[in-house]
Amino acid sequence: MELSRMPFVLKRNRVAYLIKGGTLLKEFFRYEDPDNRYSQVWLASTVTSSLREGTEGLSVLREDYGGGYLKELLEREPVAFLGREHTEVYGASPAVLVKLLNSGTRLLVQTHPTKEKAKRYFGLPFGKTECWYVLAVEKNRPAYIYAGFRPGVTRECFCSYYRSAGYRENTELPPLFCCRAWRRSLYPGGYATCAGGWQPGGGDSGTG
């Protein structure tokens, strides 16, 4: 089979994250996960999870298409699958990672690196710009996107706030955007973001 000339099927690629969840993913994909360990499904992934050693996160071809890791397939024939122009810039990497995510509680506040800082501090060729597309929101469970900082928030203010209980109890720092189905958001590297409900004691997210 010349897979570069035809559609092929990958196995479902569940990934366990720091925060449990996955209720909406289980309903969509119809699989069992009684402990709600898998709050993410990665699509056509050629990278591993940074939380564990091993191969978790790498997408695998279904057996009737030869099996094996998608990463290895692309490395054998990068031009055939990705095109010459793409390969000259990014090599055998697709240079994008698509995740389906459904967290049980508010996600961690994260600031992903720009391309320059990723190279300087981690020796990696990519930064991380994020694009969020909300597919569904659980009924009667408020969900939000938190993006950036309010005007006047300094490094000292943030560090002090982060160490306090207030970080877990209210929303003084990040602006709030109600998270609705079909909402689209783009956040470049260097932008502080998180998503999910925020209630005293850590509210439910209900986003997918």
C-alpha atoms as a PDB file:
ATOM      1  CA  MET A   1       0.000   0.000   0.000  1.00  0.00           C
ATOM      2  CA  GLU A   2       1.233   3.483  -0.864  1.00  0.00           C
ATOM      3  CA  LEU A   3      -0.198   5.218   2.168  1.00  0.00           C
ATOM      4  CA  SER A   4       0.969   8.630   0.993  1.00  0.00           C
ATOM      5  CA  ARG A   5      -1.548   8.344  -1.873  1.00  0.00           C
ATOM      6  CA  MET A   6      -4.590   7.290   0.122  1.00  0.00           C
ATOM      7  CA  PRO A   7      -6.529   7.956   3.334  1.00  0.00           C
ATOM      8  CA  PHE A   8      -5.548   5.688   6.226  1.00  0.00           C
ATOM      9  CA  VAL A   9      -6.884   5.128   9.734  1.00  0.00           C
ATOM     10  CA  LEU A  10      -5.116   5.719  13.046  1.00  0.00           C
ATOM     11  CA  LYS A  11      -5.991   4.077  16.328  1.00  0.00           C
ATOM     12  CA  ARG A  12      -7.691   6.186  18.996  1.00  0.00           C
ATOM     13  CA  ASN A  13      -4.900   7.934  20.898  1.00  0.00           C
ATOM     14  CA  ARG A  14      -5.967   8.582  24.495  1.00  0.00           C
ATOM     15  CA  VAL A  15      -3.601  10.524  26.740  1.00  0.00           C
ATOM     16  CA  ALA A  16      -3.725  10.744  30.540  1.00  0.00           C
ATOM     17  CA  TYR A  17      -3.102  14.260  31.851  1.00  0.00           C
ATOM     18  CA  LEU A  18      -2.453  15.843  35.238  1.00  0.00           C
ATOM     19  CA  ILE A  19      -6.163  16.611  35.552  1.00  0.00           C
ATOM     20  CA  LYS A  20      -8.762  13.882  35.145  1.00  0.00           C
ATOM     21  CA  GLY A  21     -11.776  14.211  32.889  1.00  0.00           C
ATOM     22  CA  GLY A  22     -12.984  12.922  29.551  1.00  0.00           C
ATOM     23  CA  THR A  23     -16.731  12.540  30.125  1.00  0.00           C
ATOM     24  CA  LEU A  24     -17.577  14.126  26.777  1.00  0.00           C
ATOM     25  CA  LEU A  25     -14.817  12.157  25.025  1.00  0.00           C
ATOM     26  CA  LYS A  26     -16.210   8.874  26.339  1.00  0.00           C
ATOM     27  CA  GLU A  27     -19.654   9.779  25.033  1.00  0.00           C
ATOM     28  CA  PHE A  28     -18.291  10.735  21.615  1.00  0.00           C
ATOM     29  CA  PHE A  29     -15.889   7.813  21.091  1.00  0.00           C
ATOM     30  CA  ARG A  30     -17.937   5.251  23.074  1.00  0.00           C
ATOM     31  CA  TYR A  31     -15.135   3.802  25.186  1.00  0.00           C
ATOM     32  CA  GLU A  32     -14.849   2.852  28.859  1.00  0.00           C
ATOM     33  CA  ASP A  33     -12.738   4.845  31.316  1.00  0.00           C
ATOM     34  CA  PRO A  34     -14.271   4.393  34.795  1.00  0.00           C
ATOM     35  CA  ASP A  35     -11.504   6.349  36.558  1.00  0.00           C
ATOM     36  CA  ASN A  36     -11.631   9.294  34.106  1.00  0.00           C
ATOM     37  CA  ARG A  37      -7.869   9.106  33.589  1.00  0.00           C
ATOM     38  CA  TYR A  38      -7.956  10.103  29.938  1.00  0.00           C
ATOM     39  CA  SER A  39      -8.984  13.721  29.534  1.00  0.00           C
ATOM     40  CA  GLN A  40      -7.343  14.109  26.114  1.00  0.00           C
ATOM     41  CA  VAL A  41      -7.298  12.417  22.708  1.00  0.00           C
ATOM     42  CA  TRP A  42      -4.446  13.461  20.395  1.00  0.00           C
ATOM     43  CA  LEU A  43      -4.977  13.334  16.636  1.00  0.00           C
ATOM     44  CA  ALA A  44      -2.216  12.385  14.165  1.00  0.00           C
ATOM     45  CA  SER A  45       0.425  13.012  16.836  1.00  0.00           C
ATOM     46  CA  THR A  46       4.163  12.555  16.312  1.00  0.00           C
ATOM     47  CA  VAL A  47       5.147  13.691  19.823  1.00  0.00           C
ATOM     48  CA  THR A  48       5.114  11.963  23.201  1.00  0.00           C
ATOM     49  CA  SER A  49       3.591  13.197  26.438  1.00  0.00           C
ATOM     50  CA  SER A  50       6.122  15.066  28.564  1.00  0.00           C
ATOM     51  CA  LEU A  51       4.504  13.688  31.717  1.00  0.00           C
ATOM     52  CA  ARG A  52       5.632  10.096  31.236  1.00  0.00           C
ATOM     53  CA  GLU A  53       8.467   8.114  29.752  1.00  0.00           C
ATOM     54  CA  GLY A  54       7.718   5.873  26.819  1.00  0.00           C
ATOM     55  CA  THR A  55       5.500   6.290  23.775  1.00  0.00           C
ATOM     56  CA  GLU A  56       2.258   7.705  25.200  1.00  0.00           C
ATOM     57  CA  GLY A  57       1.002  10.389  22.858  1.00  0.00           C
ATOM     58  CA  LEU A  58       2.347   8.898  19.620  1.00  0.00           C
ATOM     59  CA  SER A  59      -0.336   8.018  17.088  1.00  0.00           C
ATOM     60  CA  VAL A  60      -0.380   4.432  15.772  1.00  0.00           C
ATOM     61  CA  LEU A  61      -1.745   3.183  12.454  1.00  0.00           C
ATOM     62  CA  ARG A  62      -4.506   0.602  12.579  1.00  0.00           C
ATOM     63  CA  GLU A  63      -3.269  -2.930  11.855  1.00  0.00           C
ATOM     64  CA  ASP A  64      -5.023  -3.190   8.488  1.00  0.00           C
ATOM     65  CA  TYR A  65      -2.916  -0.227   7.363  1.00  0.00           C
ATOM     66  CA  GLY A  66       0.335  -1.787   8.484  1.00  0.00           C
ATOM     67  CA  GLY A  67       0.455  -0.732  12.130  1.00  0.00           C
ATOM     68  CA  GLY A  68       3.451   1.156  13.499  1.00  0.00           C
ATOM     69  CA  TYR A  69       3.900   4.741  14.608  1.00  0.00           C
ATOM     70  CA  LEU A  70       2.826   7.634  12.400  1.00  0.00           C
ATOM     71  CA  LYS A  71       6.065   9.402  13.363  1.00  0.00           C
ATOM     72  CA  GLU A  72       8.183   6.611  11.859  1.00  0.00           C
ATOM     73  CA  LEU A  73       6.065   6.526   8.708  1.00  0.00           C
ATOM     74  CA  LEU A  74       6.572  10.262   8.120  1.00  0.00           C
ATOM     75  CA  GLU A  75      10.287  10.002   8.834  1.00  0.00           C
ATOM     76  CA  ARG A  76      10.655   7.341   6.129  1.00  0.00           C
ATOM     77  CA  GLU A  77       8.870   9.389   3.450  1.00  0.00           C
ATOM     78  CA  PRO A  78       8.532  12.999   4.611  1.00  0.00           C
ATOM     79  CA  VAL A  79       8.240  14.545   1.148  1.00  0.00           C
ATOM     80  CA  ALA A  80       5.622  12.047  -0.006  1.00  0.00           C
ATOM     81  CA  PHE A  81       3.381  12.791   2.988  1.00  0.00           C
ATOM     82  CA  LEU A  82       4.106  16.433   3.818  1.00  0.00           C
ATOM     83  CA  GLY A  83       5.379  17.942   0.570  1.00  0.00           C
ATOM     84  CA  ARG A  84       8.788  19.322  -0.343  1.00  0.00           C
ATOM     85  CA  GLU A  85       8.192  22.923   0.745  1.00  0.00           C
ATOM     86  CA  HIS A  86       6.953  21.853   4.198  1.00  0.00           C
ATOM     87  CA  THR A  87       9.777  19.346   4.644  1.00  0.00           C
ATOM     88  CA  GLU A  88      12.461  21.890   3.759  1.00  0.00           C
ATOM     89  CA  VAL A  89      11.275  24.055   6.643  1.00  0.00           C
ATOM     90  CA  TYR A  90      10.017  21.591   9.266  1.00  0.00           C
ATOM     91  CA  GLY A  91      11.566  18.257   8.308  1.00  0.00           C
ATOM     92  CA  ALA A  92       9.413  15.188   8.982  1.00  0.00           C
ATOM     93  CA  SER A  93       7.317  16.947  11.638  1.00  0.00           C
ATOM     94  CA  PRO A  94       3.747  18.017  10.785  1.00  0.00           C
ATOM     95  CA  ALA A  95       4.514  21.075  12.977  1.00  0.00           C
ATOM     96  CA  VAL A  96       1.039  20.997  14.529  1.00  0.00           C
ATOM     97  CA  LEU A  97      -0.618  18.983  17.303  1.00  0.00           C
ATOM     98  CA  VAL A  98      -4.407  18.642  17.456  1.00  0.00           C
ATOM     99  CA  LYS A  99      -5.972  17.641  20.788  1.00  0.00           C
ATOM    100  CA  LEU A 100      -9.521  16.861  21.832  1.00  0.00           C
ATOM    101  CA  LEU A 101      -9.644  17.884  25.481  1.00  0.00           C
ATOM    102  CA  ASN A 102     -12.299  17.555  28.169  1.00  0.00           C
ATOM    103  CA  SER A 103     -11.021  18.398  31.642  1.00  0.00           C
ATOM    104  CA  GLY A 104     -12.980  17.613  34.802  1.00  0.00           C
ATOM    105  CA  THR A 105     -11.782  20.802  36.532  1.00  0.00           C
ATOM    106  CA  ARG A 106     -10.152  24.095  35.598  1.00  0.00           C
ATOM    107  CA  LEU A 107      -6.916  23.638  33.693  1.00  0.00           C
ATOM    108  CA  LEU A 108      -3.592  24.919  34.992  1.00  0.00           C
ATOM    109  CA  VAL A 109      -2.661  28.483  34.042  1.00  0.00           C
ATOM    110  CA  GLN A 110      -0.022  28.133  31.333  1.00  0.00           C
ATOM    111  CA  THR A 111       2.189  30.431  29.312  1.00  0.00           C
ATOM    112  CA  HIS A 112       3.656  28.542  26.388  1.00  0.00           C
ATOM    113  CA  PRO A 113       6.973  29.745  24.933  1.00  0.00           C
ATOM    114  CA  THR A 114       7.446  31.716  21.768  1.00  0.00           C
ATOM    115  CA  LYS A 115       9.611  30.107  19.082  1.00  0.00           C
ATOM    116  CA  GLU A 116      12.605  32.198  20.186  1.00  0.00           C
ATOM    117  CA  LYS A 117      12.307  31.198  23.849  1.00  0.00           C
ATOM    118  CA  ALA A 118      11.605  27.552  23.049  1.00  0.00           C
ATOM    119  CA  LYS A 119      14.882  27.418  21.168  1.00  0.00           C
ATOM    120  CA  ARG A 120      16.824  29.399  23.777  1.00  0.00           C
ATOM    121  CA  TYR A 121      15.640  27.621  26.924  1.00  0.00           C
ATOM    122  CA  PHE A 122      14.600  24.152  25.738  1.00  0.00           C
ATOM    123  CA  GLY A 123      16.563  23.587  22.543  1.00  0.00           C
ATOM    124  CA  LEU A 124      13.306  22.981  20.659  1.00  0.00           C
ATOM    125  CA  PRO A 125      12.520  24.243  17.136  1.00  0.00           C
ATOM    126  CA  PHE A 126       8.893  25.198  17.855  1.00  0.00           C
ATOM    127  CA  GLY A 127       7.118  27.600  20.153  1.00  0.00           C
ATOM    128  CA  LYS A 128       3.448  27.038  20.882  1.00  0.00           C
ATOM    129  CA  THR A 129       0.620  29.136  19.539  1.00  0.00           C
ATOM    130  CA  GLU A 130      -2.737  27.731  20.629  1.00  0.00           C
ATOM    131  CA  CYS A 131      -6.032  27.811  18.761  1.00  0.00           C
ATOM    132  CA  TRP A 132      -9.071  26.664  20.748  1.00  0.00           C
ATOM    133  CA  TYR A 133     -12.330  25.626  19.126  1.00  0.00           C
ATOM    134  CA  VAL A 134     -15.078  24.737  21.587  1.00  0.00           C
ATOM    135  CA  LEU A 135     -17.080  21.759  20.342  1.00  0.00           C
ATOM    136  CA  ALA A 136     -19.358  21.308  23.341  1.00  0.00           C
ATOM    137  CA  VAL A 137     -20.127  22.577  26.838  1.00  0.00           C
ATOM    138  CA  GLU A 138     -21.835  20.405  29.425  1.00  0.00           C
ATOM    139  CA  LYS A 139     -25.326  21.555  30.406  1.00  0.00           C
ATOM    140  CA  ASN A 140     -25.732  23.558  33.615  1.00  0.00           C
ATOM    141  CA  ARG A 141     -21.980  23.656  34.222  1.00  0.00           C
ATOM    142  CA  PRO A 142     -20.510  27.136  33.600  1.00  0.00           C
ATOM    143  CA  ALA A 143     -17.272  27.142  31.631  1.00  0.00           C
ATOM    144  CA  TYR A 144     -14.867  29.974  30.833  1.00  0.00           C
ATOM    145  CA  ILE A 145     -11.707  30.866  28.963  1.00  0.00           C
ATOM    146  CA  TYR A 146      -9.127  32.899  30.885  1.00  0.00           C
ATOM    147  CA  ALA A 147      -6.725  34.871  28.715  1.00  0.00           C
ATOM    148  CA  GLY A 148      -3.977  37.337  29.586  1.00  0.00           C
ATOM    149  CA  PHE A 149      -3.754  39.578  32.646  1.00  0.00           C
ATOM    150  CA  ARG A 150      -5.694  42.607  33.715  1.00  0.00           C
ATOM    151  CA  PRO A 151      -4.007  46.007  33.170  1.00  0.00           C
ATOM    152  CA  GLY A 152      -1.609  46.895  35.965  1.00  0.00           C
ATOM    153  CA  VAL A 153      -0.677  43.334  36.949  1.00  0.00           C
ATOM    154  CA  THR A 154       3.100  43.271  37.520  1.00  0.00           C
ATOM    155  CA  ARG A 155       5.494  40.358  37.944  1.00  0.00           C
ATOM    156  CA  GLU A 156       5.604  41.044  41.688  1.00  0.00           C
ATOM    157  CA  CYS A 157       1.822  41.174  41.906  1.00  0.00           C
ATOM    158  CA  PHE A 158       1.443  37.912  40.040  1.00  0.00           C
ATOM    159  CA  CYS A 159       4.061  36.054  42.103  1.00  0.00           C
ATOM    160  CA  SER A 160       2.498  37.235  45.345  1.00  0.00           C
ATOM    161  CA  TYR A 161      -0.970  36.295  44.164  1.00  0.00           C
ATOM    162  CA  TYR A 162       0.159  32.903  42.917  1.00  0.00           C
ATOM    163  CA  ARG A 163       1.520  31.986  46.340  1.00  0.00           C
ATOM    164  CA  SER A 164      -1.689  33.013  48.075  1.00  0.00           C
ATOM    165  CA  ALA A 165      -4.927  31.109  48.520  1.00  0.00           C
ATOM    166  CA  GLY A 166      -6.594  33.675  46.268  1.00  0.00           C
ATOM    167  CA  TYR A 167      -5.136  31.956  43.222  1.00  0.00           C
ATOM    168  CA  ARG A 168      -7.461  29.037  43.881  1.00  0.00           C
ATOM    169  CA  GLU A 169     -10.471  30.981  45.083  1.00  0.00           C
ATOM    170  CA  ASN A 170     -11.272  33.841  42.732  1.00  0.00           C
ATOM    171  CA  THR A 171     -10.702  35.421  39.334  1.00  0.00           C
ATOM    172  CA  GLU A 172      -8.926  38.675  40.105  1.00  0.00           C
ATOM    173  CA  LEU A 173      -6.095  38.113  37.629  1.00  0.00           C
ATOM    174  CA  PRO A 174      -7.279  36.770  34.284  1.00  0.00           C
ATOM    175  CA  PRO A 175     -10.058  38.337  32.224  1.00  0.00           C
ATOM    176  CA  LEU A 176     -13.034  36.031  31.864  1.00  0.00           C
ATOM    177  CA  PHE A 177     -14.717  34.966  28.641  1.00  0.00           C
ATOM    178  CA  CYS A 178     -17.808  32.795  28.753  1.00  0.00           C
ATOM    179  CA  CYS A 179     -17.018  29.530  27.007  1.00  0.00           C
ATOM    180  CA  ARG A 180     -19.757  28.574  24.545  1.00  0.00           C
ATOM    181  CA  ALA A 181     -19.982  25.892  21.893  1.00  0.00           C
ATOM    182  CA  TRP A 182     -18.423  26.941  18.578  1.00  0.00           C
ATOM    183  CA  ARG A 183     -16.316  29.639  20.204  1.00  0.00           C
ATOM    184  CA  ARG A 184     -12.928  30.122  18.512  1.00  0.00           C
ATOM    185  CA  SER A 185      -9.881  31.655  20.182  1.00  0.00           C
ATOM    186  CA  LEU A 186      -6.257  32.113  19.101  1.00  0.00           C
ATOM    187  CA  TYR A 187      -3.463  32.743  21.603  1.00  0.00           C
ATOM    188  CA  PRO A 188       0.157  33.260  20.504  1.00  0.00           C
ATOM    189  CA  GLY A 189       3.126  31.932  22.443  1.00  0.00           C
ATOM    190  CA  GLY A 190       3.877  34.003  25.538  1.00  0.00           C
ATOM    191  CA  TYR A 191       0.187  34.513  26.369  1.00  0.00           C
ATOM    192  CA  ALA A 192      -1.131  33.258  29.720  1.00  0.00           C
ATOM    193  CA  THR A 193      -4.264  31.129  29.312  1.00  0.00           C
ATOM    194  CA  CYS A 194      -6.397  28.452  30.916  1.00  0.00           C
ATOM    195  CA  ALA A 195      -9.953  27.172  30.585  1.00  0.00           C
ATOM    196  CA  GLY A 196     -12.669  25.699  32.727  1.00  0.00           C
ATOM    197  CA  GLY A 197     -14.983  26.623  35.560  1.00  0.00           C
ATOM    198  CA  TRP A 198     -13.555  28.620  38.462  1.00  0.00           C
ATOM    199  CA  GLN A 199     -15.415  28.289  41.716  1.00  0.00           C
ATOM    200  CA  PRO A 200     -14.259  28.220  45.365  1.00  0.00           C
ATOM    201  CA  GLY A 201     -12.427  24.963  45.853  1.00  0.00           C
ATOM    202  CA  GLY A 202     -11.993  24.458  42.092  1.00  0.00           C
ATOM    203  CA  GLY A 203     -15.125  24.337  39.948  1.00  0.00           C
ATOM    204  CA  ASP A 204     -15.960  21.929  37.170  1.00  0.00           C
ATOM    205  CA  SER A 205     -14.911  22.699  33.637  1.00  0.00           C
ATOM    206  CA  GLY A 206     -17.442  21.012  31.404  1.00  0.00           C
ATOM    207  CA  THR A 207     -15.636  22.067  28.232  1.00  0.00           C
ATOM    208  CA  GLY A 208     -14.690  19.908  25.302  1.00  0.00           C
END
